[in-house]
Amino acid sequence: MKNVKDEECLVFVRNIAYLRKKNGLSKKEMANLLGISVYSITKIENGIFPKNLKAEVIYNIYKKFKIKPSEQFSQIFAED
């Protein structure tokens, strides 16, 4: 795993944390929804982009939250 340095990846990980909290999902629920582990969700929320993250996650975000893949990386949904 590497720390997020690329701005688009940083936007993506911030958006995942925002979506989870906004929708009142636990880390386990969000992990199940995205098809990844709770460990991966925790790393993502700490700004670490897992190197084995699959495109399926992007599709699952689109499917559940109706957010286009390009938007997942190009805009922050909300600032804390």
N, C-alpha and C. Protein backbone atom coordinates (compact mmCIF):
# COMPACT_ATOMS: atom_id res chain seq x y z
N MET A 1 0.84 -1.18 0.00
CA MET A 1 0.00 0.00 0.00
C MET A 1 0.88 1.23 0.00
N LYS A 2 0.34 2.30 -0.58
CA LYS A 2 1.10 3.53 -0.57
C LYS A 2 0.23 4.66 -0.04
N ASN A 3 0.86 5.67 0.51
CA ASN A 3 0.11 6.83 0.95
C ASN A 3 -0.39 7.56 -0.27
N VAL A 4 -1.58 8.12 -0.15
CA VAL A 4 -2.17 8.82 -1.27
C VAL A 4 -1.44 10.14 -1.49
N LYS A 5 -0.89 10.32 -2.67
CA LYS A 5 -0.24 11.56 -3.02
C LYS A 5 -0.92 12.19 -4.22
N ASP A 6 -1.43 11.38 -5.10
CA ASP A 6 -2.11 11.86 -6.28
C ASP A 6 -3.45 12.48 -5.89
N GLU A 7 -3.71 13.69 -6.36
CA GLU A 7 -4.92 14.43 -5.96
C GLU A 7 -6.21 13.67 -6.27
N GLU A 8 -6.29 13.02 -7.41
CA GLU A 8 -7.50 12.28 -7.75
C GLU A 8 -7.75 11.12 -6.78
N CYS A 9 -6.70 10.45 -6.40
CA CYS A 9 -6.85 9.34 -5.45
C CYS A 9 -7.24 9.87 -4.07
N LEU A 10 -6.70 11.01 -3.70
CA LEU A 10 -7.04 11.62 -2.43
C LEU A 10 -8.53 12.01 -2.41
N VAL A 11 -9.02 12.56 -3.50
CA VAL A 11 -10.44 12.88 -3.62
C VAL A 11 -11.27 11.61 -3.45
N PHE A 12 -10.86 10.54 -4.12
CA PHE A 12 -11.58 9.27 -4.06
C PHE A 12 -11.68 8.74 -2.63
N VAL A 13 -10.58 8.72 -1.90
CA VAL A 13 -10.63 8.18 -0.54
C VAL A 13 -11.45 9.07 0.39
N ARG A 14 -11.38 10.37 0.19
CA ARG A 14 -12.20 11.28 1.00
C ARG A 14 -13.69 11.04 0.73
N ASN A 15 -14.00 10.80 -0.53
CA ASN A 15 -15.40 10.57 -0.90
C ASN A 15 -15.94 9.27 -0.29
N ILE A 16 -15.12 8.25 -0.24
CA ILE A 16 -15.58 7.00 0.38
C ILE A 16 -15.91 7.22 1.85
N ALA A 17 -15.05 7.92 2.57
CA ALA A 17 -15.30 8.21 3.98
C ALA A 17 -16.57 9.04 4.14
N TYR A 18 -16.73 10.04 3.29
CA TYR A 18 -17.92 10.90 3.35
C TYR A 18 -19.19 10.09 3.11
N LEU A 19 -19.19 9.28 2.07
CA LEU A 19 -20.38 8.49 1.73
C LEU A 19 -20.77 7.54 2.86
N ARG A 20 -19.77 6.92 3.47
CA ARG A 20 -20.06 5.99 4.56
C ARG A 20 -20.74 6.72 5.71
N LYS A 21 -20.16 7.84 6.11
CA LYS A 21 -20.68 8.59 7.25
C LYS A 21 -22.04 9.23 6.93
N LYS A 22 -22.17 9.80 5.75
CA LYS A 22 -23.42 10.45 5.35
C LYS A 22 -24.59 9.47 5.35
N ASN A 23 -24.32 8.25 4.97
CA ASN A 23 -25.37 7.24 4.87
C ASN A 23 -25.52 6.40 6.13
N GLY A 24 -24.79 6.76 7.18
CA GLY A 24 -24.92 6.08 8.46
C GLY A 24 -24.51 4.62 8.43
N LEU A 25 -23.53 4.30 7.59
CA LEU A 25 -23.08 2.92 7.45
C LEU A 25 -21.88 2.66 8.36
N SER A 26 -21.85 1.49 8.94
CA SER A 26 -20.66 1.08 9.69
C SER A 26 -19.57 0.74 8.69
N LYS A 27 -18.36 0.62 9.17
CA LYS A 27 -17.26 0.21 8.28
C LYS A 27 -17.54 -1.16 7.68
N LYS A 28 -18.11 -2.04 8.48
CA LYS A 28 -18.42 -3.38 7.98
C LYS A 28 -19.47 -3.33 6.89
N GLU A 29 -20.51 -2.54 7.09
CA GLU A 29 -21.56 -2.41 6.08
C GLU A 29 -21.01 -1.83 4.78
N MET A 30 -20.18 -0.78 4.90
CA MET A 30 -19.60 -0.16 3.71
C MET A 30 -18.67 -1.13 3.00
N ALA A 31 -17.88 -1.85 3.76
CA ALA A 31 -16.97 -2.83 3.17
C ALA A 31 -17.75 -3.89 2.39
N ASN A 32 -18.81 -4.39 2.98
CA ASN A 32 -19.64 -5.39 2.30
C ASN A 32 -20.27 -4.82 1.03
N LEU A 33 -20.74 -3.61 1.12
CA LEU A 33 -21.37 -2.95 -0.03
C LEU A 33 -20.38 -2.78 -1.18
N LEU A 34 -19.13 -2.45 -0.85
CA LEU A 34 -18.11 -2.21 -1.88
C LEU A 34 -17.36 -3.47 -2.28
N GLY A 35 -17.53 -4.55 -1.52
CA GLY A 35 -16.84 -5.79 -1.83
C GLY A 35 -15.38 -5.80 -1.42
N ILE A 36 -15.08 -5.09 -0.32
CA ILE A 36 -13.71 -5.05 0.19
C ILE A 36 -13.74 -5.35 1.69
N SER A 37 -12.56 -5.42 2.29
CA SER A 37 -12.48 -5.74 3.72
C SER A 37 -12.63 -4.48 4.58
N VAL A 38 -12.98 -4.70 5.83
CA VAL A 38 -13.04 -3.60 6.80
C VAL A 38 -11.66 -2.98 6.93
N TYR A 39 -10.64 -3.80 6.88
CA TYR A 39 -9.26 -3.31 6.94
C TYR A 39 -9.01 -2.31 5.81
N SER A 40 -9.48 -2.62 4.62
CA SER A 40 -9.30 -1.71 3.48
C SER A 40 -10.04 -0.40 3.69
N ILE A 41 -11.26 -0.48 4.21
CA ILE A 41 -12.03 0.74 4.50
C ILE A 41 -11.27 1.61 5.51
N THR A 42 -10.74 0.99 6.54
CA THR A 42 -9.99 1.74 7.55
C THR A 42 -8.78 2.41 6.92
N LYS A 43 -8.04 1.68 6.10
CA LYS A 43 -6.87 2.26 5.43
C LYS A 43 -7.28 3.41 4.53
N ILE A 44 -8.34 3.20 3.75
CA ILE A 44 -8.82 4.26 2.84
C ILE A 44 -9.18 5.51 3.64
N GLU A 45 -9.89 5.33 4.73
CA GLU A 45 -10.29 6.48 5.54
C GLU A 45 -9.11 7.16 6.23
N ASN A 46 -7.99 6.48 6.29
CA ASN A 46 -6.76 7.08 6.82
C ASN A 46 -5.88 7.63 5.71
N GLY A 47 -6.41 7.70 4.49
CA GLY A 47 -5.68 8.29 3.37
C GLY A 47 -4.71 7.36 2.68
N ILE A 48 -4.85 6.07 2.92
CA ILE A 48 -3.97 5.09 2.29
C ILE A 48 -4.77 4.34 1.23
N PHE A 49 -4.29 4.39 0.01
CA PHE A 49 -4.97 3.77 -1.12
C PHE A 49 -4.43 2.36 -1.30
N PRO A 50 -5.23 1.32 -0.99
CA PRO A 50 -4.73 -0.06 -1.13
C PRO A 50 -4.34 -0.37 -2.57
N LYS A 51 -3.17 -0.94 -2.75
CA LYS A 51 -2.68 -1.21 -4.10
C LYS A 51 -3.50 -2.29 -4.81
N ASN A 52 -4.22 -3.09 -4.07
CA ASN A 52 -5.01 -4.16 -4.69
C ASN A 52 -6.48 -3.79 -4.85
N LEU A 53 -6.81 -2.51 -4.73
CA LEU A 53 -8.19 -2.07 -4.89
C LEU A 53 -8.65 -2.32 -6.32
N LYS A 54 -9.79 -2.93 -6.47
CA LYS A 54 -10.28 -3.35 -7.78
C LYS A 54 -11.29 -2.36 -8.34
N ALA A 55 -11.42 -2.35 -9.65
CA ALA A 55 -12.38 -1.48 -10.33
C ALA A 55 -13.82 -1.77 -9.89
N GLU A 56 -14.05 -2.95 -9.37
CA GLU A 56 -15.37 -3.32 -8.88
C GLU A 56 -15.86 -2.34 -7.81
N VAL A 57 -14.95 -1.77 -7.04
CA VAL A 57 -15.31 -0.81 -6.00
C VAL A 57 -15.95 0.43 -6.65
N ILE A 58 -15.36 0.89 -7.73
CA ILE A 58 -15.88 2.06 -8.44
C ILE A 58 -17.28 1.76 -8.98
N TYR A 59 -17.45 0.58 -9.54
CA TYR A 59 -18.76 0.18 -10.05
C TYR A 59 -19.77 0.09 -8.92
N ASN A 60 -19.38 -0.48 -7.80
CA ASN A 60 -20.30 -0.62 -6.67
C ASN A 60 -20.71 0.73 -6.10
N ILE A 61 -19.81 1.70 -6.10
CA ILE A 61 -20.17 3.06 -5.66
C ILE A 61 -21.19 3.64 -6.63
N TYR A 62 -20.96 3.44 -7.91
CA TYR A 62 -21.92 3.92 -8.91
C TYR A 62 -23.29 3.26 -8.72
N LYS A 63 -23.28 1.95 -8.55
CA LYS A 63 -24.51 1.18 -8.41
C LYS A 63 -25.31 1.59 -7.16
N LYS A 64 -24.64 1.76 -6.05
CA LYS A 64 -25.32 2.06 -4.77
C LYS A 64 -25.65 3.54 -4.62
N PHE A 65 -24.69 4.41 -4.98
CA PHE A 65 -24.85 5.84 -4.70
C PHE A 65 -25.14 6.68 -5.95
N LYS A 66 -25.15 6.05 -7.13
CA LYS A 66 -25.44 6.73 -8.40
C LYS A 66 -24.46 7.87 -8.68
N ILE A 67 -23.19 7.61 -8.40
CA ILE A 67 -22.13 8.58 -8.66
C ILE A 67 -21.26 8.04 -9.78
N LYS A 68 -21.17 8.79 -10.86
CA LYS A 68 -20.39 8.37 -12.02
C LYS A 68 -18.92 8.19 -11.63
N PRO A 69 -18.25 7.22 -12.24
CA PRO A 69 -16.84 7.00 -11.93
C PRO A 69 -15.97 8.25 -12.05
N SER A 70 -16.18 9.05 -13.07
CA SER A 70 -15.37 10.26 -13.23
C SER A 70 -15.57 11.23 -12.06
N GLU A 71 -16.78 11.27 -11.52
CA GLU A 71 -17.07 12.15 -10.39
C GLU A 71 -16.43 11.64 -9.11
N GLN A 72 -16.25 10.34 -9.00
CA GLN A 72 -15.65 9.76 -7.80
C GLN A 72 -14.21 10.23 -7.60
N PHE A 73 -13.56 10.60 -8.67
CA PHE A 73 -12.16 11.02 -8.62
C PHE A 73 -11.95 12.51 -8.87
N SER A 74 -13.00 13.22 -9.29
CA SER A 74 -12.79 14.59 -9.73
C SER A 74 -13.40 15.66 -8.84
N GLN A 75 -14.24 15.28 -7.92
CA GLN A 75 -14.83 16.28 -7.04
C GLN A 75 -15.04 15.70 -5.67
N ILE A 76 -14.87 16.53 -4.68
CA ILE A 76 -15.12 16.11 -3.31
C ILE A 76 -16.60 16.37 -3.03
N PHE A 77 -17.29 15.36 -2.55
CA PHE A 77 -18.73 15.46 -2.33
C PHE A 77 -19.06 16.46 -1.24
N ALA A 78 -18.26 16.51 -0.19
CA ALA A 78 -18.48 17.46 0.89
C ALA A 78 -17.20 17.59 1.68
N GLU A 79 -16.96 18.77 2.15
CA GLU A 79 -15.81 19.01 3.02
C GLU A 79 -16.23 18.83 4.47
N ASP A 80 -15.33 18.29 5.25
CA ASP A 80 -15.63 18.10 6.69
C ASP A 80 -15.55 19.42 7.42
